[in-house]
Protein backbone atom coordinates (compact mmCIF):
# COMPACT_ATOMS: atom_id res chain seq x y z
CA MET A 1 20.08 -20.73 1.39
CA ALA A 2 17.37 -18.07 1.43
CA TYR A 3 17.64 -17.76 5.19
CA TYR A 4 21.40 -17.24 4.81
CA GLN A 5 20.94 -14.57 2.15
CA ILE A 6 18.39 -12.66 4.21
CA ASN A 7 20.34 -12.83 7.49
CA ILE A 8 23.92 -12.72 6.20
CA ASP A 9 24.95 -9.85 8.50
CA TYR A 10 23.47 -11.51 11.59
CA ILE A 11 25.07 -14.88 10.81
CA THR A 12 28.43 -13.24 10.10
CA ASN A 13 28.44 -11.33 13.39
CA VAL A 14 27.08 -14.09 15.65
CA PHE A 15 28.03 -17.52 14.26
CA CYS A 16 31.05 -17.00 12.01
CA VAL A 17 34.15 -18.79 13.31
CA ASN A 18 36.50 -16.85 11.02
CA LYS A 19 35.60 -13.31 12.09
CA GLU A 20 39.21 -12.50 12.93
CA LYS A 21 40.50 -13.73 9.55
CA VAL A 22 39.24 -10.96 7.29
CA GLU A 23 41.33 -12.14 4.31
CA MET A 24 39.24 -15.34 4.14
CA ALA A 25 36.03 -13.35 3.49
CA CYS A 26 34.01 -16.14 5.08
CA ASN A 27 30.89 -14.04 5.75
CA GLY A 28 29.24 -16.85 7.69
CA LYS A 29 29.73 -19.51 5.02
CA CYS A 30 31.34 -21.73 7.66
CA HIS A 31 28.05 -21.75 9.59
CA LEU A 32 26.11 -22.36 6.37
CA ALA A 33 28.37 -25.33 5.59
CA LYS A 34 27.72 -26.78 9.07
CA GLN A 35 23.96 -26.41 8.61
CA LEU A 36 24.03 -28.02 5.16
CA GLN A 37 26.21 -30.86 6.41
CA ALA A 38 23.73 -31.50 9.22
CA THR A 39 20.92 -31.85 6.69
CA GLU A 40 22.95 -34.15 4.42
CA ASN A 41 24.05 -36.46 7.25
CA PRO A 42 20.96 -37.57 9.15
CA SER A 43 21.24 -38.40 12.83
CA GLU A 44 21.05 -41.89 14.32
CA ASP A 45 17.28 -42.08 14.35
CA GLY A 46 17.03 -41.18 10.65
CA LYS A 47 15.61 -37.71 11.18
CA THR A 48 17.34 -34.61 9.96
CA THR A 49 17.36 -31.53 12.12
CA LEU A 50 17.72 -27.97 10.94
CA HIS A 51 17.79 -25.25 13.53
CA ILE A 52 16.17 -22.02 12.50
CA LEU A 53 17.66 -19.25 14.56
CA ASP A 54 14.88 -16.72 14.90
CA VAL A 55 11.82 -15.30 13.19
CA VAL A 56 12.39 -12.20 11.10
CA THR A 57 9.67 -9.58 11.03
CA VAL A 58 9.94 -7.06 8.23
CA VAL A 59 8.37 -3.70 9.01
CA PHE A 60 7.96 -0.90 6.51
CA LEU A 61 7.68 2.60 7.90
CA GLN A 62 6.64 5.69 6.03
CA LYS A 63 7.02 9.16 7.43
CA THR A 64 3.77 11.10 7.35
CA GLN A 65 3.33 14.83 7.38
CA CYS A 66 1.73 16.21 10.51
CA PHE A 67 -0.52 19.20 10.47
CA THR A 68 -2.44 21.13 13.09
CA ILE A 69 -5.59 23.17 12.78
CA SER A 70 -5.14 26.42 14.62
CA ASN A 71 -8.77 27.53 14.52
CA PRO A 72 -11.17 24.61 14.06
CA SER A 73 -14.22 26.89 14.13
CA GLU A 74 -13.32 28.04 10.60
CA PHE A 75 -13.97 24.55 9.30
CA ILE A 76 -17.19 24.02 11.21
CA ASN A 77 -19.55 26.20 9.23
CA LYS A 78 -23.29 25.85 9.75
CA ASN A 79 -23.96 26.48 6.05
CA ILE A 80 -21.74 23.58 5.06
CA LEU A 81 -23.29 21.27 7.62
CA ASN A 82 -26.81 22.28 6.62
CA SER A 83 -26.10 21.59 2.95
CA TYR A 84 -25.44 17.95 3.79
CA ASN A 85 -28.93 17.66 5.22
CA LYS A 86 -30.45 18.86 1.93
CA LEU A 87 -29.36 16.03 -0.31
CA TYR A 88 -32.80 15.58 -1.91
CA THR A 89 -34.68 18.27 -3.81
CA PHE A 90 -38.08 18.08 -5.42
CA ASN A 91 -39.54 20.66 -7.77
CA PHE A 92 -43.29 20.14 -7.92
CA GLN A 93 -45.08 21.60 -10.96
CA SER A 94 -48.82 21.35 -11.16
CA PHE A 95 -48.86 22.39 -14.83
CA GLN A 96 -48.11 19.56 -17.22
CA PHE A 97 -46.98 20.57 -20.68
CA LYS A 98 -48.69 18.58 -23.43
CA PRO A 99 -47.23 18.86 -26.91
CA PRO A 100 -49.63 19.64 -29.78
CA ARG A 101 -51.08 16.81 -31.82
CA PHE A 102 -50.39 16.80 -35.50
CA ILE A 103 -52.85 15.39 -37.93
CA ALA A 104 -51.11 13.64 -40.71
């Protein structure tokens, strides 16, 4: 049933026997009935066969915005690149502040 619901247009266009009879509004239900009947009535050897027509691959596409950089030298600045090299700073102070001692 799920396969029929997903591929209803394909089944209607390819397998429907009643395409010419629009007033019947078959929409491929004749093919679905044949498939269900085949599963309900097993073959001689006791095995049921269900033919899956094809594999459906769902692809989602999203349009992205394209941009171009007219002058890439504006973005390559030596000051910016040099700042990445200076990630660590150290401020050495030889004088150590000692707070006064209170006598209580």
